[in-house]
């Protein structure tokens, strides 16, 4: 019976140690996640800087930087423009165009449609 009393007395201590260990693991996990996010921020900042250098556009308000997310004003405006160009091209080239021929806008439209499908 003496052994049973000893094991019962040690249970609260073991339980508390278990809880402390869980919390320590959570802290370690959160620190790892924060470090990963900080690394991701540095990486994304580098990608943004590279793209700004490539395009020579650094102003986030520049008209070439569009928000084409679903439901955005830019997306709606682009759809209207694409529809107008497609309607014009259907009249201008009723039998279609030759590959490599005129129609740079067609490539832009295809790129837009490909990105939003």
PDB file of N, CA and C in Angstrom:
ATOM      1  N   UNK A   1       0.807  -1.184   0.000  1.00  0.00           N
ATOM      2  CA  UNK A   1       0.000   0.000   0.000  1.00  0.00           C
ATOM      3  C   UNK A   1       0.854   1.252   0.000  1.00  0.00           C
ATOM      4  N   UNK A   2       1.989   1.144   0.593  1.00  0.00           N
ATOM      5  CA  UNK A   2       2.910   2.270   0.643  1.00  0.00           C
ATOM      6  C   UNK A   2       3.348   2.682  -0.768  1.00  0.00           C
ATOM      7  N   UNK A   3       3.542   1.710  -1.651  1.00  0.00           N
ATOM      8  CA  UNK A   3       3.928   2.009  -3.040  1.00  0.00           C
ATOM      9  C   UNK A   3       2.816   2.750  -3.774  1.00  0.00           C
ATOM     10  N   UNK A   4       1.566   2.384  -3.512  1.00  0.00           N
ATOM     11  CA  UNK A   4       0.441   3.058  -4.148  1.00  0.00           C
ATOM     12  C   UNK A   4       0.363   4.521  -3.720  1.00  0.00           C
ATOM     13  N   UNK A   5       0.606   4.783  -2.458  1.00  0.00           N
ATOM     14  CA  UNK A   5       0.568   6.160  -1.971  1.00  0.00           C
ATOM     15  C   UNK A   5       1.669   6.991  -2.619  1.00  0.00           C
ATOM     16  N   UNK A   6       2.834   6.415  -2.853  1.00  0.00           N
ATOM     17  CA  UNK A   6       3.950   7.129  -3.477  1.00  0.00           C
ATOM     18  C   UNK A   6       3.612   7.474  -4.931  1.00  0.00           C
ATOM     19  N   UNK A   7       3.037   6.511  -5.658  1.00  0.00           N
ATOM     20  CA  UNK A   7       2.730   6.771  -7.058  1.00  0.00           C
ATOM     21  C   UNK A   7       1.618   7.808  -7.170  1.00  0.00           C
ATOM     22  N   UNK A   8       0.636   7.792  -6.281  1.00  0.00           N
ATOM     23  CA  UNK A   8      -0.426   8.796  -6.306  1.00  0.00           C
ATOM     24  C   UNK A   8       0.120  10.183  -5.997  1.00  0.00           C
ATOM     25  N   UNK A   9       1.044  10.256  -5.082  1.00  0.00           N
ATOM     26  CA  UNK A   9       1.619  11.553  -4.708  1.00  0.00           C
ATOM     27  C   UNK A   9       2.448  12.139  -5.840  1.00  0.00           C
ATOM     28  N   UNK A  10       3.056  11.288  -6.667  1.00  0.00           N
ATOM     29  CA  UNK A  10       3.899  11.775  -7.761  1.00  0.00           C
ATOM     30  C   UNK A  10       3.122  12.190  -9.003  1.00  0.00           C
ATOM     31  N   UNK A  11       1.866  11.797  -9.105  1.00  0.00           N
ATOM     32  CA  UNK A  11       1.070  12.096 -10.293  1.00  0.00           C
ATOM     33  C   UNK A  11       0.898  13.588 -10.552  1.00  0.00           C
ATOM     34  N   UNK A  12       0.561  14.404  -9.569  1.00  0.00           N
ATOM     35  CA  UNK A  12       0.423  15.839  -9.858  1.00  0.00           C
ATOM     36  C   UNK A  12       1.730  16.460 -10.360  1.00  0.00           C
ATOM     37  N   UNK A  13       2.839  16.009  -9.835  1.00  0.00           N
ATOM     38  CA  UNK A  13       4.130  16.533 -10.274  1.00  0.00           C
ATOM     39  C   UNK A  13       4.392  16.126 -11.717  1.00  0.00           C
ATOM     40  N   UNK A  14       4.113  14.876 -12.053  1.00  0.00           N
ATOM     41  CA  UNK A  14       4.310  14.398 -13.430  1.00  0.00           C
ATOM     42  C   UNK A  14       3.376  15.118 -14.388  1.00  0.00           C
ATOM     43  N   UNK A  15       2.149  15.345 -13.956  1.00  0.00           N
ATOM     44  CA  UNK A  15       1.172  16.058 -14.795  1.00  0.00           C
ATOM     45  C   UNK A  15       1.646  17.486 -15.057  1.00  0.00           C
ATOM     46  N   UNK A  16       2.097  18.165 -14.028  1.00  0.00           N
ATOM     47  CA  UNK A  16       2.589  19.529 -14.184  1.00  0.00           C
ATOM     48  C   UNK A  16       3.815  19.560 -15.093  1.00  0.00           C
ATOM     49  N   UNK A  17       4.708  18.580 -14.951  1.00  0.00           N
ATOM     50  CA  UNK A  17       5.900  18.518 -15.801  1.00  0.00           C
ATOM     51  C   UNK A  17       5.498  18.275 -17.257  1.00  0.00           C
ATOM     52  N   UNK A  18       4.488  17.435 -17.465  1.00  0.00           N
ATOM     53  CA  UNK A  18       3.980  17.179 -18.811  1.00  0.00           C
ATOM     54  C   UNK A  18       3.440  18.474 -19.437  1.00  0.00           C
ATOM     55  N   UNK A  19       2.665  19.224 -18.686  1.00  0.00           N
ATOM     56  CA  UNK A  19       2.100  20.490 -19.172  1.00  0.00           C
ATOM     57  C   UNK A  19       3.226  21.480 -19.488  1.00  0.00           C
ATOM     58  N   UNK A  20       4.211  21.560 -18.616  1.00  0.00           N
ATOM     59  CA  UNK A  20       5.354  22.456 -18.852  1.00  0.00           C
ATOM     60  C   UNK A  20       6.085  22.053 -20.121  1.00  0.00           C
ATOM     61  N   UNK A  21       6.303  20.753 -20.318  1.00  0.00           N
ATOM     62  CA  UNK A  21       6.986  20.274 -21.526  1.00  0.00           C
ATOM     63  C   UNK A  21       6.190  20.612 -22.784  1.00  0.00           C
ATOM     64  N   UNK A  22       4.860  20.459 -22.724  1.00  0.00           N
ATOM     65  CA  UNK A  22       4.022  20.817 -23.871  1.00  0.00           C
ATOM     66  C   UNK A  22       4.153  22.303 -24.204  1.00  0.00           C
ATOM     67  N   UNK A  23       4.119  23.122 -23.198  1.00  0.00           N
ATOM     68  CA  UNK A  23       4.229  24.572 -23.421  1.00  0.00           C
ATOM     69  C   UNK A  23       5.601  24.940 -23.976  1.00  0.00           C
ATOM     70  N   UNK A  24       6.649  24.277 -23.511  1.00  0.00           N
ATOM     71  CA  UNK A  24       7.990  24.530 -24.048  1.00  0.00           C
ATOM     72  C   UNK A  24       8.058  24.148 -25.522  1.00  0.00           C
ATOM     73  N   UNK A  25       7.440  23.014 -25.885  1.00  0.00           N
ATOM     74  CA  UNK A  25       7.403  22.608 -27.301  1.00  0.00           C
ATOM     75  C   UNK A  25       6.639  23.623 -28.147  1.00  0.00           C
ATOM     76  N   UNK A  26       5.540  24.140 -27.611  1.00  0.00           N
ATOM     77  CA  UNK A  26       4.775  25.161 -28.339  1.00  0.00           C
ATOM     78  C   UNK A  26       5.595  26.424 -28.556  1.00  0.00           C
ATOM     79  N   UNK A  27       6.323  26.834 -27.535  1.00  0.00           N
ATOM     80  CA  UNK A  27       7.172  28.023 -27.661  1.00  0.00           C
ATOM     81  C   UNK A  27       8.223  27.800 -28.739  1.00  0.00           C
ATOM     82  N   UNK A  28       8.842  26.642 -28.734  1.00  0.00           N
ATOM     83  CA  UNK A  28       9.857  26.319 -29.745  1.00  0.00           C
ATOM     84  C   UNK A  28       9.226  26.330 -31.131  1.00  0.00           C
ATOM     85  N   UNK A  29       8.041  25.726 -31.264  1.00  0.00           N
ATOM     86  CA  UNK A  29       7.349  25.698 -32.551  1.00  0.00           C
ATOM     87  C   UNK A  29       6.998  27.119 -33.012  1.00  0.00           C
ATOM     88  N   UNK A  30       6.487  27.937 -32.119  1.00  0.00           N
ATOM     89  CA  UNK A  30       6.144  29.321 -32.487  1.00  0.00           C
ATOM     90  C   UNK A  30       7.385  30.118 -32.887  1.00  0.00           C
ATOM     91  N   UNK A  31       8.468  29.930 -32.173  1.00  0.00           N
ATOM     92  CA  UNK A  31       9.718  30.627 -32.544  1.00  0.00           C
ATOM     93  C   UNK A  31      10.192  30.188 -33.922  1.00  0.00           C
ATOM     94  N   UNK A  32      10.061  28.892 -34.210  1.00  0.00           N
ATOM     95  CA  UNK A  32      10.442  28.380 -35.528  1.00  0.00           C
ATOM     96  C   UNK A  32       9.556  28.984 -36.607  1.00  0.00           C
ATOM     97  N   UNK A  33       8.252  29.052 -36.349  1.00  0.00           N
ATOM     98  CA  UNK A  33       7.327  29.631 -37.326  1.00  0.00           C
ATOM     99  C   UNK A  33       7.644  31.113 -37.558  1.00  0.00           C
ATOM    100  N   UNK A  34       7.918  31.837 -36.496  1.00  0.00           N
ATOM    101  CA  UNK A  34       8.254  33.262 -36.631  1.00  0.00           C
ATOM    102  C   UNK A  34       9.521  33.427 -37.448  1.00  0.00           C
ATOM    103  N   UNK A  35      10.523  32.598 -37.175  1.00  0.00           N
ATOM    104  CA  UNK A  35      11.773  32.663 -37.937  1.00  0.00           C
ATOM    105  C   UNK A  35      11.516  32.341 -39.411  1.00  0.00           C
ATOM    106  N   UNK A  36      10.663  31.341 -39.681  1.00  0.00           N
ATOM    107  CA  UNK A  36      10.318  31.000 -41.067  1.00  0.00           C
ATOM    108  C   UNK A  36       9.615  32.168 -41.760  1.00  0.00           C
ATOM    109  N   UNK A  37       8.680  32.812 -41.062  1.00  0.00           N
ATOM    110  CA  UNK A  37       7.986  33.961 -41.645  1.00  0.00           C
ATOM    111  C   UNK A  37       8.950  35.122 -41.895  1.00  0.00           C
ATOM    112  N   UNK A  38       9.859  35.343 -40.978  1.00  0.00           N
ATOM    113  CA  UNK A  38      10.850  36.415 -41.178  1.00  0.00           C
ATOM    114  C   UNK A  38      11.714  36.114 -42.403  1.00  0.00           C
ATOM    115  N   UNK A  39      12.119  34.854 -42.569  1.00  0.00           N
ATOM    116  CA  UNK A  39      12.897  34.464 -43.754  1.00  0.00           C
ATOM    117  C   UNK A  39      12.078  34.639 -45.026  1.00  0.00           C
ATOM    118  N   UNK A  40      10.790  34.303 -44.953  1.00  0.00           N
ATOM    119  CA  UNK A  40       9.915  34.462 -46.104  1.00  0.00           C
ATOM    120  C   UNK A  40       9.784  35.945 -46.478  1.00  0.00           C
ATOM    121  N   UNK A  41       9.688  36.809 -45.479  1.00  0.00           N
ATOM    122  CA  UNK A  41       9.594  38.250 -45.726  1.00  0.00           C
ATOM    123  C   UNK A  41      10.842  38.749 -46.445  1.00  0.00           C
ATOM    124  N   UNK A  42      12.001  38.305 -45.980  1.00  0.00           N
ATOM    125  CA  UNK A  42      13.257  38.708 -46.619  1.00  0.00           C
ATOM    126  C   UNK A  42      13.288  38.225 -48.061  1.00  0.00           C
ATOM    127  N   UNK A  43      12.878  36.978 -48.284  1.00  0.00           N
ATOM    128  CA  UNK A  43      12.853  36.414 -49.629  1.00  0.00           C
ATOM    129  C   UNK A  43      11.891  37.187 -50.537  1.00  0.00           C
ATOM    130  N   UNK A  44      10.689  37.462 -50.040  1.00  0.00           N
ATOM    131  CA  UNK A  44       9.707  38.205 -50.839  1.00  0.00           C
ATOM    132  C   UNK A  44      10.175  39.638 -51.114  1.00  0.00           C
ATOM    133  N   UNK A  45      10.792  40.269 -50.129  1.00  0.00           N
ATOM    134  CA  UNK A  45      11.342  41.609 -50.355  1.00  0.00           C
ATOM    135  C   UNK A  45      12.378  41.582 -51.476  1.00  0.00           C
ATOM    136  N   UNK A  46      13.200  40.535 -51.493  1.00  0.00           N
ATOM    137  CA  UNK A  46      14.191  40.391 -52.562  1.00  0.00           C
ATOM    138  C   UNK A  46      13.539  40.186 -53.914  1.00  0.00           C
ATOM    139  N   UNK A  47      12.479  39.386 -53.952  1.00  0.00           N
ATOM    140  CA  UNK A  47      11.762  39.160 -55.210  1.00  0.00           C
ATOM    141  C   UNK A  47      11.100  40.446 -55.703  1.00  0.00           C
ATOM    142  N   UNK A  48      10.541  41.211 -54.776  1.00  0.00           N
ATOM    143  CA  UNK A  48       9.920  42.482 -55.155  1.00  0.00           C
ATOM    144  C   UNK A  48      10.966  43.434 -55.710  1.00  0.00           C
ATOM    145  N   UNK A  49      12.109  43.527 -55.036  1.00  0.00           N
ATOM    146  CA  UNK A  49      13.178  44.411 -55.507  1.00  0.00           C
ATOM    147  C   UNK A  49      13.664  43.994 -56.892  1.00  0.00           C
ATOM    148  N   UNK A  50      13.803  42.693 -57.116  1.00  0.00           N
ATOM    149  CA  UNK A  50      14.227  42.194 -58.425  1.00  0.00           C
ATOM    150  C   UNK A  50      13.214  42.568 -59.497  1.00  0.00           C
ATOM    151  N   UNK A  51      11.937  42.383 -59.187  1.00  0.00           N
ATOM    152  CA  UNK A  51      10.879  42.705 -60.155  1.00  0.00           C
ATOM    153  C   UNK A  51      10.811  44.218 -60.407  1.00  0.00           C
ATOM    154  N   UNK A  52      10.994  45.009 -59.361  1.00  0.00           N
ATOM    155  CA  UNK A  52      11.009  46.469 -59.538  1.00  0.00           C
ATOM    156  C   UNK A  52      12.177  46.893 -60.423  1.00  0.00           C
ATOM    157  N   UNK A  53      13.330  46.278 -60.231  1.00  0.00           N
ATOM    158  CA  UNK A  53      14.489  46.594 -61.077  1.00  0.00           C
ATOM    159  C   UNK A  53      14.251  46.156 -62.519  1.00  0.00           C
ATOM    160  N   UNK A  54      13.641  44.976 -62.686  1.00  0.00           N
ATOM    161  CA  UNK A  54      13.393  44.462 -64.026  1.00  0.00           C
ATOM    162  C   UNK A  54      12.405  45.339 -64.784  1.00  0.00           C
ATOM    163  N   UNK A  55      11.341  45.747 -64.112  1.00  0.00           N
ATOM    164  CA  UNK A  55      10.290  46.525 -64.775  1.00  0.00           C
ATOM    165  C   UNK A  55      10.524  48.027 -64.697  1.00  0.00           C
ATOM    166  N   UNK A  56      11.437  48.420 -63.834  1.00  0.00           N
ATOM    167  CA  UNK A  56      11.696  49.838 -63.557  1.00  0.00           C
ATOM    168  C   UNK A  56      10.449  50.552 -63.029  1.00  0.00           C
ATOM    169  N   UNK A  57       9.577  49.800 -62.376  1.00  0.00           N
ATOM    170  CA  UNK A  57       8.377  50.355 -61.748  1.00  0.00           C
ATOM    171  C   UNK A  57       8.484  50.093 -60.258  1.00  0.00           C
ATOM    172  N   UNK A  58       8.582  51.168 -59.484  1.00  0.00           N
ATOM    173  CA  UNK A  58       8.728  51.011 -58.037  1.00  0.00           C
ATOM    174  C   UNK A  58       7.546  51.572 -57.267  1.00  0.00           C
ATOM    175  N   UNK A  59       6.659  52.297 -57.953  1.00  0.00           N
ATOM    176  CA  UNK A  59       5.517  52.923 -57.304  1.00  0.00           C
ATOM    177  C   UNK A  59       4.343  51.945 -57.270  1.00  0.00           C
ATOM    178  N   UNK A  60       3.882  51.529 -56.069  1.00  0.00           N
ATOM    179  CA  UNK A  60       2.768  50.582 -56.016  1.00  0.00           C
ATOM    180  C   UNK A  60       1.475  51.141 -56.611  1.00  0.00           C
ATOM    181  N   UNK A  61       1.383  52.459 -56.762  1.00  0.00           N
ATOM    182  CA  UNK A  61       0.211  53.067 -57.360  1.00  0.00           C
ATOM    183  C   UNK A  61       0.310  53.219 -58.870  1.00  0.00           C
ATOM    184  N   UNK A  62       1.408  52.744 -59.464  1.00  0.00           N
ATOM    185  CA  UNK A  62       1.625  52.866 -60.900  1.00  0.00           C
ATOM    186  C   UNK A  62       0.521  52.128 -61.653  1.00  0.00           C
ATOM    187  N   UNK A  63       0.018  52.712 -62.746  1.00  0.00           N
ATOM    188  CA  UNK A  63      -1.082  52.069 -63.470  1.00  0.00           C
ATOM    189  C   UNK A  63      -0.735  50.702 -64.061  1.00  0.00           C
ATOM    190  N   UNK A  64       0.533  50.384 -64.204  1.00  0.00           N
ATOM    191  CA  UNK A  64       0.907  49.064 -64.736  1.00  0.00           C
ATOM    192  C   UNK A  64       0.759  47.971 -63.681  1.00  0.00           C
ATOM    193  N   UNK A  65       0.628  48.357 -62.440  1.00  0.00           N
ATOM    194  CA  UNK A  65       0.467  47.374 -61.374  1.00  0.00           C
ATOM    195  C   UNK A  65      -1.032  47.227 -61.134  1.00  0.00           C
ATOM    196  N   UNK A  66      -1.547  46.069 -61.501  1.00  0.00           N
ATOM    197  CA  UNK A  66      -2.984  45.849 -61.452  1.00  0.00           C
ATOM    198  C   UNK A  66      -3.330  44.805 -60.406  1.00  0.00           C
ATOM    199  N   UNK A  67      -4.500  44.975 -59.849  1.00  0.00           N
ATOM    200  CA  UNK A  67      -5.045  43.967 -58.941  1.00  0.00           C
ATOM    201  C   UNK A  67      -6.019  43.131 -59.746  1.00  0.00           C
ATOM    202  N   UNK A  68      -5.575  41.951 -60.175  1.00  0.00           N
ATOM    203  CA  UNK A  68      -6.433  41.098 -61.001  1.00  0.00           C
ATOM    204  C   UNK A  68      -7.073  39.982 -60.179  1.00  0.00           C
ATOM    205  N   UNK A  69      -7.139  40.182 -58.875  1.00  0.00           N
ATOM    206  CA  UNK A  69      -7.825  39.200 -58.041  1.00  0.00           C
ATOM    207  C   UNK A  69      -9.314  39.201 -58.378  1.00  0.00           C
ATOM    208  N   UNK A  70      -9.931  38.064 -58.189  1.00  0.00           N
ATOM    209  CA  UNK A  70     -11.340  37.927 -58.534  1.00  0.00           C
ATOM    210  C   UNK A  70     -12.175  38.968 -57.784  1.00  0.00           C
ATOM    211  N   UNK A  71     -12.974  39.688 -58.551  1.00  0.00           N
ATOM    212  CA  UNK A  71     -13.861  40.688 -57.962  1.00  0.00           C
ATOM    213  C   UNK A  71     -13.261  42.075 -57.836  1.00  0.00           C
ATOM    214  N   UNK A  72     -11.989  42.249 -58.176  1.00  0.00           N
ATOM    215  CA  UNK A  72     -11.371  43.567 -58.053  1.00  0.00           C
ATOM    216  C   UNK A  72     -11.850  44.485 -59.174  1.00  0.00           C
ATOM    217  N   UNK A  73     -11.711  45.782 -58.949  1.00  0.00           N
ATOM    218  CA  UNK A  73     -12.084  46.761 -59.976  1.00  0.00           C
ATOM    219  C   UNK A  73     -11.206  46.596 -61.218  1.00  0.00           C
ATOM    220  N   UNK A  74      -9.908  46.359 -61.013  1.00  0.00           N
ATOM    221  CA  UNK A  74      -8.999  46.181 -62.145  1.00  0.00           C
ATOM    222  C   UNK A  74      -9.404  44.970 -62.977  1.00  0.00           C
ATOM    223  N   UNK A  75      -9.787  43.880 -62.312  1.00  0.00           N
ATOM    224  CA  UNK A  75     -10.190  42.682 -63.042  1.00  0.00           C
ATOM    225  C   UNK A  75     -11.419  42.981 -63.895  1.00  0.00           C
ATOM    226  N   UNK A  76     -12.398  43.661 -63.315  1.00  0.00           N
ATOM    227  CA  UNK A  76     -13.622  43.989 -64.059  1.00  0.00           C
ATOM    228  C   UNK A  76     -13.297  44.878 -65.258  1.00  0.00           C
ATOM    229  N   UNK A  77     -12.425  45.852 -65.050  1.00  0.00           N
ATOM    230  CA  UNK A  77     -12.038  46.744 -66.146  1.00  0.00           C
ATOM    231  C   UNK A  77     -11.297  45.977 -67.241  1.00  0.00           C
ATOM    232  N   UNK A  78     -10.408  45.079 -66.847  1.00  0.00           N
ATOM    233  CA  UNK A  78      -9.675  44.281 -67.831  1.00  0.00           C
ATOM    234  C   UNK A  78     -10.614  43.390 -68.638  1.00  0.00           C
ATOM    235  N   UNK A  79     -11.619  42.830 -67.991  1.00  0.00           N
ATOM    236  CA  UNK A  79     -12.573  41.990 -68.716  1.00  0.00           C
ATOM    237  C   UNK A  79     -13.313  42.796 -69.781  1.00  0.00           C
ATOM    238  N   UNK A  80     -13.701  44.027 -69.444  1.00  0.00           N
ATOM    239  CA  UNK A  80     -14.386  44.884 -70.418  1.00  0.00           C
ATOM    240  C   UNK A  80     -13.460  45.172 -71.596  1.00  0.00           C
ATOM    241  N   UNK A  81     -12.195  45.473 -71.292  1.00  0.00           N
ATOM    242  CA  UNK A  81     -11.218  45.766 -72.350  1.00  0.00           C
ATOM    243  C   UNK A  81     -11.006  44.539 -73.235  1.00  0.00           C
ATOM    244  N   UNK A  82     -10.842  43.382 -72.612  1.00  0.00           N
ATOM    245  CA  UNK A  82     -10.622  42.137 -73.361  1.00  0.00           C
ATOM    246  C   UNK A  82     -11.816  41.852 -74.269  1.00  0.00           C
ATOM    247  N   UNK A  83     -13.020  42.016 -73.750  1.00  0.00           N
ATOM    248  CA  UNK A  83     -14.218  41.783 -74.561  1.00  0.00           C
ATOM    249  C   UNK A  83     -14.273  42.741 -75.749  1.00  0.00           C
ATOM    250  N   UNK A  84     -13.903  44.004 -75.526  1.00  0.00           N
ATOM    251  CA  UNK A  84     -13.913  44.986 -76.614  1.00  0.00           C
ATOM    252  C   UNK A  84     -12.881  44.619 -77.681  1.00  0.00           C
ATOM    253  N   UNK A  85     -11.692  44.222 -77.254  1.00  0.00           N
ATOM    254  CA  UNK A  85     -10.645  43.842 -78.214  1.00  0.00           C
ATOM    255  C   UNK A  85     -11.069  42.592 -78.982  1.00  0.00           C
ATOM    256  N   UNK A  86     -11.621  41.607 -78.283  1.00  0.00           N
ATOM    257  CA  UNK A  86     -12.060  40.390 -78.961  1.00  0.00           C
ATOM    258  C   UNK A  86     -13.160  40.685 -79.973  1.00  0.00           C
ATOM    259  N   UNK A  87     -14.085  41.576 -79.626  1.00  0.00           N
ATOM    260  CA  UNK A  87     -15.153  41.947 -80.560  1.00  0.00           C
ATOM    261  C   UNK A  87     -14.556  42.646 -81.790  1.00  0.00           C
ATOM    262  N   UNK A  88     -13.594  43.548 -81.575  1.00  0.00           N
ATOM    263  CA  UNK A  88     -12.931  44.234 -82.683  1.00  0.00           C
ATOM    264  C   UNK A  88     -12.204  43.224 -83.573  1.00  0.00           C
ATOM    265  N   UNK A  89     -11.458  42.315 -82.947  1.00  0.00           N
ATOM    266  CA  UNK A  89     -10.684  41.345 -83.717  1.00  0.00           C
ATOM    267  C   UNK A  89     -11.587  40.402 -84.512  1.00  0.00           C
ATOM    268  N   UNK A  90     -12.750  40.071 -83.969  1.00  0.00           N
ATOM    269  CA  UNK A  90     -13.678  39.199 -84.693  1.00  0.00           C
ATOM    270  C   UNK A  90     -14.175  39.876 -85.969  1.00  0.00           C
ATOM    271  N   UNK A  91     -14.331  41.208 -85.925  1.00  0.00           N
ATOM    272  CA  UNK A  91     -14.749  41.949 -87.121  1.00  0.00           C
ATOM    273  C   UNK A  91     -13.554  42.154 -88.047  1.00  0.00           C
ATOM    274  N   UNK A  92     -12.405  42.496 -87.470  1.00  0.00           N
ATOM    275  CA  UNK A  92     -11.203  42.809 -88.261  1.00  0.00           C
ATOM    276  C   UNK A  92     -10.644  41.578 -88.957  1.00  0.00           C
ATOM    277  N   UNK A  93     -10.624  40.448 -88.274  1.00  0.00           N
ATOM    278  CA  UNK A  93     -10.089  39.207 -88.830  1.00  0.00           C
ATOM    279  C   UNK A  93     -11.148  38.105 -88.687  1.00  0.00           C
ATOM    280  N   UNK A  94     -12.194  38.142 -89.511  1.00  0.00           N
ATOM    281  CA  UNK A  94     -13.312  37.198 -89.336  1.00  0.00           C
ATOM    282  C   UNK A  94     -12.921  35.732 -89.514  1.00  0.00           C
ATOM    283  N   UNK A  95     -11.884  35.447 -90.272  1.00  0.00           N
ATOM    284  CA  UNK A  95     -11.463  34.050 -90.449  1.00  0.00           C
ATOM    285  C   UNK A  95     -10.271  33.715 -89.564  1.00  0.00           C
ATOM    286  N   UNK A  96      -9.929  34.587 -88.681  1.00  0.00           N
ATOM    287  CA  UNK A  96      -8.805  34.359 -87.778  1.00  0.00           C
ATOM    288  C   UNK A  96      -7.531  34.973 -88.301  1.00  0.00           C
ATOM    289  N   UNK A  97      -6.492  34.866 -87.525  1.00  0.00           N
ATOM    290  CA  UNK A  97      -5.195  35.438 -87.886  1.00  0.00           C
ATOM    291  C   UNK A  97      -4.182  34.319 -88.018  1.00  0.00           C
ATOM    292  N   UNK A  98      -3.150  34.608 -88.733  1.00  0.00           N
ATOM    293  CA  UNK A  98      -2.072  33.637 -88.883  1.00  0.00           C
ATOM    294  C   UNK A  98      -1.139  33.727 -87.689  1.00  0.00           C
ATOM    295  N   UNK A  99      -0.630  32.578 -87.307  1.00  0.00           N
ATOM    296  CA  UNK A  99       0.333  32.533 -86.225  1.00  0.00           C
ATOM    297  C   UNK A  99       1.542  33.375 -86.601  1.00  0.00           C
ATOM    298  N   UNK A 100       1.930  34.259 -85.721  1.00  0.00           N
ATOM    299  CA  UNK A 100       3.077  35.127 -85.982  1.00  0.00           C
ATOM    300  C   UNK A 100       2.699  36.359 -86.771  1.00  0.00           C
ATOM    301  N   UNK A 101       1.425  36.488 -87.116  1.00  0.00           N
ATOM    302  CA  UNK A 101       0.975  37.656 -87.867  1.00  0.00           C
ATOM    303  C   UNK A 101       0.672  38.811 -86.935  1.00  0.00           C
ATOM    304  N   UNK A 102      -0.123  39.750 -87.438  1.00  0.00           N
ATOM    305  CA  UNK A 102      -0.490  40.902 -86.627  1.00  0.00           C
ATOM    306  C   UNK A 102      -1.344  40.456 -85.446  1.00  0.00           C
ATOM    307  N   UNK A 103      -1.397  41.322 -84.476  1.00  0.00           N
ATOM    308  CA  UNK A 103      -2.294  41.052 -83.359  1.00  0.00           C
ATOM    309  C   UNK A 103      -1.589  40.831 -82.044  1.00  0.00           C
ATOM    310  N   UNK A 104      -0.735  41.751 -81.658  1.00  0.00           N
ATOM    311  CA  UNK A 104      -0.063  41.665 -80.364  1.00  0.00           C
ATOM    312  C   UNK A 104      -1.095  41.602 -79.243  1.00  0.00           C
ATOM    313  N   UNK A 105      -2.196  42.297 -79.448  1.00  0.00           N
ATOM    314  CA  UNK A 105      -3.228  42.296 -78.416  1.00  0.00           C
ATOM    315  C   UNK A 105      -3.730  40.886 -78.142  1.00  0.00           C
ATOM    316  N   UNK A 106      -3.779  40.047 -79.151  1.00  0.00           N
ATOM    317  CA  UNK A 106      -4.256  38.676 -78.966  1.00  0.00           C
ATOM    318  C   UNK A 106      -3.367  37.950 -77.954  1.00  0.00           C
ATOM    319  N   UNK A 107      -2.067  38.128 -78.058  1.00  0.00           N
ATOM    320  CA  UNK A 107      -1.166  37.492 -77.098  1.00  0.00           C
ATOM    321  C   UNK A 107      -1.414  37.980 -75.687  1.00  0.00           C
ATOM    322  N   UNK A 108      -1.695  39.276 -75.557  1.00  0.00           N
ATOM    323  CA  UNK A 108      -2.002  39.830 -74.242  1.00  0.00           C
ATOM    324  C   UNK A 108      -3.300  39.245 -73.709  1.00  0.00           C
ATOM    325  N   UNK A 109      -4.282  39.113 -74.587  1.00  0.00           N
ATOM    326  CA  UNK A 109      -5.569  38.560 -74.174  1.00  0.00           C
ATOM    327  C   UNK A 109      -5.402  37.108 -73.758  1.00  0.00           C
ATOM    328  N   UNK A 110      -4.644  36.334 -74.544  1.00  0.00           N
ATOM    329  CA  UNK A 110      -4.436  34.938 -74.198  1.00  0.00           C
ATOM    330  C   UNK A 110      -3.709  34.821 -72.852  1.00  0.00           C
ATOM    331  N   UNK A 111      -2.743  35.690 -72.636  1.00  0.00           N
ATOM    332  CA  UNK A 111      -2.011  35.661 -71.375  1.00  0.00           C
ATOM    333  C   UNK A 111      -2.958  36.001 -70.226  1.00  0.00           C
ATOM    334  N   UNK A 112      -3.850  36.975 -70.445  1.00  0.00           N
ATOM    335  CA  UNK A 112      -4.807  37.347 -69.413  1.00  0.00           C
ATOM    336  C   UNK A 112      -5.746  36.190 -69.121  1.00  0.00           C
ATOM    337  N   UNK A 113      -6.300  35.582 -70.164  1.00  0.00           N
ATOM    338  CA  UNK A 113      -7.216  34.468 -69.978  1.00  0.00           C
ATOM    339  C   UNK A 113      -6.507  33.283 -69.337  1.00  0.00           C
ATOM    340  N   UNK A 114      -5.291  33.004 -69.752  1.00  0.00           N
ATOM    341  CA  UNK A 114      -4.543  31.885 -69.188  1.00  0.00           C
ATOM    342  C   UNK A 114      -4.266  32.076 -67.711  1.00  0.00           C
ATOM    343  N   UNK A 115      -4.050  33.310 -67.295  1.00  0.00           N
ATOM    344  CA  UNK A 115      -3.738  33.594 -65.911  1.00  0.00           C
ATOM    345  C   UNK A 115      -4.983  33.538 -65.050  1.00  0.00           C
ATOM    346  N   UNK A 116      -6.139  33.756 -65.628  1.00  0.00           N
ATOM    347  CA  UNK A 116      -7.366  33.825 -64.838  1.00  0.00           C
ATOM    348  C   UNK A 116      -8.282  32.632 -65.037  1.00  0.00           C
ATOM    349  N   UNK A 117      -7.763  31.542 -65.585  1.00  0.00           N
ATOM    350  CA  UNK A 117      -8.615  30.361 -65.764  1.00  0.00           C
ATOM    351  C   UNK A 117      -8.353  29.356 -64.687  1.00  0.00           C
TER     352      UNK A 117
END
